[in-house]
N, C-alpha and C. Protein backbone atom coordinates (compact mmCIF):
# COMPACT_ATOMS: atom_id res chain seq x y z
N UNK A 1 56.13 114.00 145.80
CA UNK A 1 55.58 113.66 146.96
C UNK A 1 53.92 113.69 146.08
N UNK A 2 53.08 112.59 146.32
CA UNK A 2 51.39 112.60 145.43
C UNK A 2 50.87 113.73 146.27
N UNK A 3 49.69 114.20 145.70
CA UNK A 3 48.95 114.88 146.29
C UNK A 3 48.16 114.88 147.41
N UNK A 4 47.78 113.79 147.40
CA UNK A 4 47.31 113.38 148.81
C UNK A 4 48.21 113.43 150.04
N UNK A 5 49.20 113.18 149.47
CA UNK A 5 50.34 113.27 150.70
C UNK A 5 50.61 114.78 151.55
N UNK A 6 50.75 115.74 150.43
CA UNK A 6 50.79 116.61 150.58
C UNK A 6 50.03 117.56 151.26
N UNK A 7 48.46 117.20 150.80
CA UNK A 7 47.42 117.67 151.19
C UNK A 7 47.13 117.28 152.84
N UNK A 8 47.51 116.02 153.25
CA UNK A 8 47.63 115.36 154.65
C UNK A 8 48.37 116.39 155.30
N UNK A 9 49.57 116.63 154.88
CA UNK A 9 50.45 117.45 155.94
C UNK A 9 50.23 118.31 155.74
N UNK A 10 49.50 119.39 154.91
CA UNK A 10 48.96 120.88 155.44
C UNK A 10 47.53 120.80 155.73
N UNK A 11 46.78 119.63 156.17
CA UNK A 11 45.79 119.60 156.64
C UNK A 11 46.11 119.20 158.09
N UNK A 12 47.29 118.60 158.68
CA UNK A 12 47.72 118.33 159.71
C UNK A 12 48.49 119.45 160.55
N UNK A 13 48.98 119.91 159.63
CA UNK A 13 50.01 121.54 159.86
C UNK A 13 48.75 122.37 160.30
N UNK A 14 48.26 122.91 159.44
CA UNK A 14 46.40 123.61 159.90
C UNK A 14 45.79 123.53 161.27
N UNK A 15 45.80 122.00 161.45
CA UNK A 15 45.17 121.81 162.61
C UNK A 15 45.90 122.25 164.05
N UNK A 16 46.83 121.71 163.68
CA UNK A 16 47.88 121.87 164.80
C UNK A 16 48.16 122.96 165.21
N UNK A 17 48.79 123.78 164.45
CA UNK A 17 49.37 125.01 164.46
C UNK A 17 48.69 126.47 164.06
N UNK A 18 47.65 126.74 163.52
CA UNK A 18 47.06 127.72 163.19
C UNK A 18 48.17 128.33 162.38
N UNK A 19 48.52 129.45 162.35
CA UNK A 19 50.06 129.67 161.48
C UNK A 19 51.07 130.16 161.87
N UNK A 20 51.25 129.15 162.79
CA UNK A 20 52.84 129.02 163.58
C UNK A 20 53.68 128.15 162.45
N UNK A 21 53.47 127.86 161.37
CA UNK A 21 54.40 127.03 161.01
C UNK A 21 55.94 127.49 160.35
N UNK A 22 56.75 127.01 160.67
CA UNK A 22 58.07 127.13 160.70
C UNK A 22 58.74 126.79 159.66
N UNK A 23 58.88 125.52 158.70
CA UNK A 23 59.05 125.28 157.43
C UNK A 23 58.47 124.37 156.82
N UNK A 24 58.36 124.07 155.55
CA UNK A 24 57.78 122.50 155.05
C UNK A 24 58.69 122.34 153.95
N UNK A 25 58.87 121.06 153.54
CA UNK A 25 59.14 120.40 152.37
C UNK A 25 58.31 119.14 151.90
N UNK A 26 58.74 118.56 150.50
CA UNK A 26 57.77 117.44 150.22
C UNK A 26 57.78 116.49 151.34
N UNK A 27 58.67 116.57 152.29
CA UNK A 27 58.28 114.96 153.16
C UNK A 27 58.29 114.98 154.58
N UNK A 28 58.22 116.38 155.25
CA UNK A 28 58.10 116.66 156.65
C UNK A 28 57.56 118.11 156.83
N UNK A 29 56.98 118.42 157.77
CA UNK A 29 56.37 120.08 157.96
C UNK A 29 56.94 120.21 159.52
N UNK A 30 57.01 121.21 159.50
CA UNK A 30 57.36 121.54 161.25
C UNK A 30 56.56 122.41 161.15
N UNK A 31 56.20 122.05 162.77
CA UNK A 31 55.36 123.01 163.55
C UNK A 31 55.50 123.34 164.93
N UNK A 32 55.40 124.70 165.18
CA UNK A 32 55.76 125.41 166.14
C UNK A 32 54.84 126.08 166.64
N UNK A 33 53.68 125.46 167.47
CA UNK A 33 52.17 125.74 167.47
C UNK A 33 52.43 127.42 168.52
N UNK A 34 51.60 128.43 168.66
CA UNK A 34 51.50 129.58 169.47
C UNK A 34 50.98 129.22 170.91
N UNK A 35 50.67 128.04 171.02
CA UNK A 35 49.84 127.73 172.04
C UNK A 35 51.21 126.88 172.60
N UNK A 36 52.54 126.24 171.99
CA UNK A 36 53.68 125.79 172.83
C UNK A 36 54.42 126.54 173.29
N UNK A 37 55.82 126.66 173.91
CA UNK A 37 56.77 127.46 173.86
C UNK A 37 57.62 127.72 172.58
N UNK A 38 58.23 128.92 172.88
CA UNK A 38 59.26 128.80 171.46
C UNK A 38 60.37 128.06 171.21
N UNK A 39 60.27 126.81 170.85
CA UNK A 39 61.79 126.27 170.50
C UNK A 39 62.41 126.32 169.83
N UNK A 40 62.26 127.61 168.96
CA UNK A 40 63.40 128.05 168.05
C UNK A 40 64.75 128.51 168.41
N UNK A 41 64.56 129.30 169.11
CA UNK A 41 65.63 129.70 169.75
C UNK A 41 66.96 128.74 170.68
N UNK A 42 66.12 127.83 170.90
CA UNK A 42 66.99 126.29 171.00
C UNK A 42 67.19 125.54 170.23
N UNK A 43 67.02 125.67 168.96
CA UNK A 43 67.55 124.90 167.84
C UNK A 43 66.55 123.78 167.26
N UNK A 44 65.16 123.65 167.95
CA UNK A 44 64.31 122.52 167.73
C UNK A 44 63.03 123.05 167.22
N UNK A 45 61.72 122.01 166.79
CA UNK A 45 60.58 122.04 166.49
C UNK A 45 59.65 121.25 167.42
N UNK A 46 58.66 121.45 167.99
CA UNK A 46 57.79 120.97 168.69
C UNK A 46 57.67 119.92 168.12
N UNK A 47 56.69 120.24 166.86
CA UNK A 47 56.24 119.09 166.18
C UNK A 47 57.33 118.79 164.83
N UNK A 48 57.13 117.56 164.73
CA UNK A 48 57.73 117.45 163.03
C UNK A 48 56.52 116.54 162.22
N UNK A 49 55.78 116.56 161.55
CA UNK A 49 55.04 115.35 160.62
C UNK A 49 55.71 115.28 159.64
N UNK A 50 55.72 113.86 159.40
CA UNK A 50 56.42 113.18 158.42
C UNK A 50 55.11 112.54 157.34
N UNK A 51 55.38 112.53 155.44
CA UNK A 51 54.31 112.40 155.24
C UNK A 51 54.29 111.20 154.93
N UNK A 52 53.00 110.23 154.16
CA UNK A 52 53.46 109.01 154.34
C UNK A 52 53.87 108.40 153.87
N UNK A 53 53.93 106.95 153.56
CA UNK A 53 54.99 106.37 152.53
C UNK A 53 56.53 106.76 152.74
N UNK A 54 57.12 107.85 153.80
CA UNK A 54 58.18 108.08 153.54
C UNK A 54 59.29 106.65 154.15
N UNK A 55 60.51 106.75 153.26
CA UNK A 55 61.44 105.78 153.87
C UNK A 55 62.38 106.34 155.23
N UNK A 56 61.94 105.58 156.43
CA UNK A 56 63.04 106.43 157.82
C UNK A 56 64.19 105.68 157.85
N UNK A 57 65.49 106.64 158.74
CA UNK A 57 66.79 106.20 159.16
C UNK A 57 66.68 106.28 160.40
N UNK A 58 67.06 105.01 160.98
CA UNK A 58 66.91 105.52 162.32
C UNK A 58 68.56 105.37 163.17
N UNK A 59 69.39 106.20 163.21
CA UNK A 59 70.73 106.48 163.61
C UNK A 59 70.58 106.48 165.34
N UNK A 60 71.95 105.39 165.06
CA UNK A 60 72.05 104.69 166.77
C UNK A 60 72.51 106.03 167.41
N UNK A 61 73.03 106.49 168.93
CA UNK A 61 73.35 107.01 169.28
C UNK A 61 75.23 107.20 168.98
N UNK A 62 75.18 108.67 168.40
CA UNK A 62 76.80 108.82 168.38
C UNK A 62 77.15 109.89 169.15
N UNK A 63 78.50 109.23 169.24
CA UNK A 63 79.56 109.85 170.28
C UNK A 63 80.73 110.42 169.36
N UNK A 64 81.49 111.75 170.05
CA UNK A 64 82.42 112.38 169.50
C UNK A 64 83.86 112.52 170.53
N UNK A 65 84.15 111.34 170.69
CA UNK A 65 85.56 111.35 171.71
C UNK A 65 86.62 110.70 170.74
N UNK A 66 87.55 111.39 171.20
CA UNK A 66 89.12 111.44 170.59
C UNK A 66 90.14 110.92 171.49
N UNK A 67 90.86 109.87 170.66
CA UNK A 67 91.62 108.55 171.32
C UNK A 67 93.26 109.43 171.48
N UNK A 68 93.22 110.29 170.56
CA UNK A 68 94.66 111.09 170.92
C UNK A 68 94.52 112.56 171.19
N UNK A 69 93.44 113.52 171.42
CA UNK A 69 93.36 114.92 171.37
C UNK A 69 92.21 115.03 172.73
N UNK A 70 92.29 116.07 172.93
CA UNK A 70 91.62 116.76 174.02
C UNK A 70 90.02 116.39 173.77
N UNK A 71 89.33 116.17 174.88
CA UNK A 71 87.86 115.73 175.44
C UNK A 71 87.08 116.75 175.64
N UNK A 72 87.03 117.80 175.38
CA UNK A 72 86.57 119.14 176.08
C UNK A 72 85.03 118.50 176.39
N UNK A 73 84.01 119.14 177.25
CA UNK A 73 82.47 118.34 176.32
C UNK A 73 81.76 119.67 174.82
N UNK A 74 82.46 120.94 174.66
CA UNK A 74 82.26 121.21 173.23
C UNK A 74 82.73 120.12 172.48
N UNK A 75 84.38 119.93 172.29
CA UNK A 75 84.78 119.16 171.18
C UNK A 75 84.22 117.63 171.28
N UNK A 76 83.42 117.32 172.03
CA UNK A 76 82.23 116.35 171.71
C UNK A 76 81.64 116.20 171.13
N UNK A 77 80.84 117.47 171.58
CA UNK A 77 79.17 118.15 170.87
C UNK A 77 79.46 118.13 169.27
N UNK A 78 80.83 119.01 169.19
CA UNK A 78 80.86 118.79 168.12
C UNK A 78 81.53 117.92 167.08
N UNK A 79 82.28 116.97 167.72
CA UNK A 79 82.68 116.06 166.50
C UNK A 79 81.71 115.14 166.86
N UNK A 80 80.78 115.04 167.69
CA UNK A 80 79.42 114.00 167.93
C UNK A 80 78.42 114.58 166.03
N UNK A 81 77.96 115.93 166.32
CA UNK A 81 76.97 115.68 165.51
C UNK A 81 78.22 115.86 163.70
N UNK A 82 79.53 116.31 163.97
CA UNK A 82 80.28 116.00 162.53
C UNK A 82 80.02 114.21 162.45
N UNK A 83 79.77 113.53 163.56
CA UNK A 83 79.78 112.07 162.73
C UNK A 83 78.21 111.52 162.77
N UNK A 84 77.37 112.53 163.10
CA UNK A 84 75.52 111.86 163.11
C UNK A 84 75.29 113.14 162.18
N UNK A 85 75.99 113.81 161.23
CA UNK A 85 76.07 114.30 159.83
C UNK A 85 76.86 113.08 158.83
N UNK A 86 77.46 112.61 159.22
CA UNK A 86 78.58 111.22 158.23
C UNK A 86 77.39 110.02 158.35
N UNK A 87 76.98 109.85 159.28
CA UNK A 87 75.75 108.56 159.49
C UNK A 87 74.88 108.93 158.78
N UNK A 88 73.85 110.22 158.72
CA UNK A 88 72.76 110.26 158.04
C UNK A 88 73.43 110.19 156.27
N UNK A 89 74.23 110.74 156.04
CA UNK A 89 74.89 110.83 154.41
C UNK A 89 74.91 109.34 154.15
N UNK A 90 75.45 108.31 154.92
CA UNK A 90 75.66 107.44 154.55
C UNK A 90 74.48 106.45 154.29
N UNK A 91 73.31 106.81 154.44
CA UNK A 91 72.27 106.74 154.93
C UNK A 91 71.61 107.17 153.58
N UNK A 92 71.62 107.94 152.85
CA UNK A 92 71.34 108.71 152.16
C UNK A 92 70.25 110.03 152.01
N UNK A 93 70.68 110.56 153.88
CA UNK A 93 69.51 111.55 154.44
C UNK A 93 70.63 112.63 154.08
N UNK A 94 70.08 113.44 155.31
CA UNK A 94 71.07 114.88 155.54
C UNK A 94 70.45 115.43 156.91
N UNK A 95 71.06 116.63 157.64
CA UNK A 95 70.55 117.14 158.48
C UNK A 95 69.23 117.97 158.20
N UNK A 96 68.80 118.56 157.15
CA UNK A 96 67.54 119.02 156.55
C UNK A 96 66.21 118.12 156.64
N UNK A 97 66.50 116.46 156.41
CA UNK A 97 65.78 115.53 156.50
C UNK A 97 65.47 114.94 158.10
N UNK A 98 66.28 115.27 158.86
CA UNK A 98 65.87 114.58 160.50
C UNK A 98 64.88 115.16 160.72
N UNK A 99 63.83 114.21 161.36
CA UNK A 99 63.03 114.88 161.98
C UNK A 99 62.75 114.61 163.73
N UNK A 100 63.41 114.15 163.98
CA UNK A 100 64.19 113.91 165.24
C UNK A 100 64.82 113.42 166.01
N UNK A 101 65.35 114.12 167.12
CA UNK A 101 66.91 113.72 167.52
C UNK A 101 66.68 113.48 169.51
N UNK A 102 67.13 112.47 169.76
CA UNK A 102 67.97 113.00 171.40
C UNK A 102 69.08 112.93 171.48
N UNK A 103 68.96 114.16 172.65
CA UNK A 103 70.42 114.57 173.04
C UNK A 103 71.08 114.34 174.66
N UNK A 104 71.75 113.38 175.11
CA UNK A 104 71.86 112.89 175.88
C UNK A 104 73.50 113.59 176.75
N UNK A 105 73.19 114.28 177.77
CA UNK A 105 74.13 115.36 178.18
C UNK A 105 74.36 114.63 179.94
N UNK A 106 75.85 114.36 179.89
CA UNK A 106 76.22 113.81 181.22
C UNK A 106 76.60 115.41 182.05
N UNK A 107 76.84 115.40 183.55
CA UNK A 107 76.37 116.47 184.12
C UNK A 107 75.88 117.64 183.64
N UNK A 108 74.76 117.52 183.14
CA UNK A 108 74.09 118.63 182.42
C UNK A 108 73.85 120.04 183.73
N UNK A 109 74.47 121.79 182.91
CA UNK A 109 74.39 122.50 183.35
C UNK A 109 73.76 123.36 182.14
N UNK A 110 73.98 124.81 182.59
CA UNK A 110 73.20 125.64 181.70
C UNK A 110 74.28 126.13 180.86
N UNK A 111 75.30 125.85 181.15
CA UNK A 111 76.81 126.41 179.93
C UNK A 111 76.96 125.36 178.99
N UNK A 112 76.71 123.84 179.39
CA UNK A 112 76.33 123.38 178.23
C UNK A 112 75.13 123.21 177.76
N UNK A 113 74.06 123.04 178.06
CA UNK A 113 72.14 123.61 177.44
C UNK A 113 73.03 124.45 176.65
N UNK A 114 73.47 125.72 176.75
CA UNK A 114 73.19 126.80 176.16
C UNK A 114 74.51 126.52 174.92
N UNK A 115 75.19 125.54 174.98
CA UNK A 115 76.48 125.07 173.92
C UNK A 115 75.80 124.27 173.33
N UNK A 116 74.97 123.28 173.60
CA UNK A 116 74.45 122.37 172.47
C UNK A 116 73.04 123.22 171.67
N UNK A 117 72.17 123.91 172.52
CA UNK A 117 71.28 124.81 171.75
C UNK A 117 71.87 125.78 170.68
N UNK A 118 73.41 126.09 170.71
CA UNK A 118 73.97 126.89 169.89
C UNK A 118 74.48 126.38 168.74
N UNK A 119 74.61 125.12 168.80
CA UNK A 119 75.32 124.00 167.64
C UNK A 119 74.59 123.33 167.35
N UNK A 120 72.66 123.27 167.36
CA UNK A 120 71.91 122.75 167.04
C UNK A 120 71.46 123.54 166.03
N UNK A 121 71.26 124.70 166.59
CA UNK A 121 70.80 126.02 165.65
C UNK A 121 72.15 125.88 164.92
N UNK A 122 73.13 125.82 164.32
CA UNK A 122 74.06 125.90 163.97
C UNK A 122 73.82 124.44 162.84
N UNK A 123 73.47 123.56 163.08
CA UNK A 123 73.26 122.40 162.40
C UNK A 123 72.26 122.45 161.46
N UNK A 124 71.01 122.72 161.89
CA UNK A 124 70.12 121.65 161.20
C UNK A 124 69.25 123.65 160.83
N UNK A 125 69.67 124.72 161.37
CA UNK A 125 69.35 125.87 160.85
C UNK A 125 67.59 126.44 160.67
N UNK A 126 66.94 126.57 159.92
CA UNK A 126 65.78 126.74 159.25
C UNK A 126 64.93 126.11 159.30
N UNK A 127 65.37 124.48 159.62
CA UNK A 127 64.81 123.08 159.37
C UNK A 127 65.16 122.19 160.45
N UNK A 128 64.94 122.59 161.93
CA UNK A 128 64.84 121.78 162.76
C UNK A 128 64.36 121.06 163.21
N UNK A 129 64.70 119.80 163.88
CA UNK A 129 64.03 118.12 164.21
C UNK A 129 63.54 118.45 165.85
N UNK A 130 62.53 118.07 165.87
CA UNK A 130 61.78 117.59 167.06
C UNK A 130 63.25 117.16 168.09
N UNK A 131 63.20 117.87 169.51
CA UNK A 131 64.32 116.56 170.46
C UNK A 131 63.62 116.80 171.32
N UNK A 132 64.43 115.35 172.00
CA UNK A 132 64.29 115.58 173.70
C UNK A 132 65.67 115.12 173.86
N UNK A 133 65.90 116.03 175.48
CA UNK A 133 67.02 116.42 176.02
C UNK A 133 67.04 115.01 177.49
N UNK A 134 67.89 114.75 177.42
CA UNK A 134 67.94 113.96 179.09
C UNK A 134 69.64 113.66 179.46
N UNK A 135 68.82 114.37 180.96
CA UNK A 135 70.28 114.80 181.63
C UNK A 135 71.07 113.15 182.15
N UNK A 136 72.35 113.08 181.71
CA UNK A 136 72.48 111.49 182.58
C UNK A 136 73.75 111.90 183.37
N UNK A 137 73.65 110.89 184.56
CA UNK A 137 74.84 111.17 185.61
C UNK A 137 75.93 110.16 184.79
N UNK A 138 75.77 109.49 183.95
CA UNK A 138 77.16 108.59 182.89
C UNK A 138 76.72 108.09 181.69
N UNK A 139 77.52 108.31 180.43
CA UNK A 139 76.94 107.37 179.39
C UNK A 139 77.50 105.87 179.02
N UNK A 140 78.37 105.17 177.91
CA UNK A 140 78.78 103.96 178.06
C UNK A 140 79.89 104.09 178.86
N UNK A 141 81.06 105.26 178.88
CA UNK A 141 81.92 105.10 178.84
C UNK A 141 82.15 105.97 180.20
N UNK A 142 83.28 106.44 181.31
CA UNK A 142 83.44 107.45 182.03
C UNK A 142 83.73 108.86 180.77
N UNK A 143 84.57 108.46 179.98
CA UNK A 143 85.05 109.47 178.77
C UNK A 143 83.77 110.74 178.30
N UNK A 144 83.07 109.43 178.02
CA UNK A 144 81.75 110.23 177.06
C UNK A 144 81.11 111.39 177.80
N UNK A 145 81.02 112.56 177.42
CA UNK A 145 80.27 113.54 177.82
C UNK A 145 78.70 113.98 177.50
N UNK A 146 78.56 113.43 175.86
CA UNK A 146 77.42 113.92 175.15
C UNK A 146 77.40 112.93 173.59
N UNK A 147 75.81 112.80 173.71
CA UNK A 147 75.76 111.58 172.55
C UNK A 147 74.23 112.15 171.68
N UNK A 148 73.93 112.13 170.69
CA UNK A 148 72.91 112.11 169.98
C UNK A 148 72.54 110.65 168.76
N UNK A 149 71.44 110.60 169.27
CA UNK A 149 70.80 109.99 168.28
C UNK A 149 69.73 110.65 166.88
N UNK A 150 69.48 109.68 166.06
CA UNK A 150 68.45 110.34 165.14
C UNK A 150 67.39 109.65 164.40
N UNK A 151 66.16 110.50 164.38
CA UNK A 151 65.77 109.83 162.94
C UNK A 151 65.59 110.70 161.77
N UNK A 152 65.45 110.31 160.70
CA UNK A 152 65.42 110.84 159.18
C UNK A 152 64.89 110.48 158.34
N UNK A 153 64.65 111.45 157.61
CA UNK A 153 63.55 110.65 156.26
C UNK A 153 64.86 110.98 155.08
N UNK A 154 64.93 109.45 154.29
CA UNK A 154 65.65 108.90 153.31
C UNK A 154 64.69 109.85 151.66
N UNK A 155 65.36 110.61 151.79
CA UNK A 155 64.40 111.29 150.23
C UNK A 155 64.76 110.17 148.88
N UNK A 156 63.80 109.72 148.30
CA UNK A 156 63.82 109.06 147.04
C UNK A 156 64.88 109.64 146.10
N UNK A 157 65.46 109.00 145.51
CA UNK A 157 66.59 109.35 144.48
C UNK A 157 66.01 109.40 143.32
N UNK A 158 66.49 110.99 142.85
CA UNK A 158 65.64 111.44 141.40
C UNK A 158 66.69 110.97 140.36
N UNK A 159 65.36 110.40 139.61
CA UNK A 159 65.79 109.15 138.69
C UNK A 159 66.74 109.72 137.51
N UNK A 160 67.93 109.07 137.17
CA UNK A 160 69.09 109.28 136.19
C UNK A 160 68.39 109.72 134.80
N UNK A 161 68.50 110.76 134.44
CA UNK A 161 68.77 111.26 133.00
C UNK A 161 69.59 110.52 132.28
């Protein structure tokens, strides 16, 4: 990243968060200010700042239903995140480059939220995206219980040697 982009990201992080930075890469800065609730236990960041000029991928809502197998909520969550990872990789991105996700949960309750939070921490680790949760009464079809979309940075490829 150019020095001006890195300087911009660092200034934004300092202005917005004081000392509460969670993680930083050349392309994104994760900010969890002390003045907002601690979202890290739920596996997401309060704020993600993207460097100027970064290429962005917008991933449509992914689901994880099985035509032949079981479709419990937990299995759908697992397969949905697997599909999200595949979509990100197809775009030249990754979970580490994800800056925002939107989570849709049918028949939302605490046990479903707990599972999603656990899975989100497992998938995104120390580089969590910003996240919005939307409880819904129904998704595209009756069998679908979970959906997630994403916005991610597409890093520049290193020049071939």
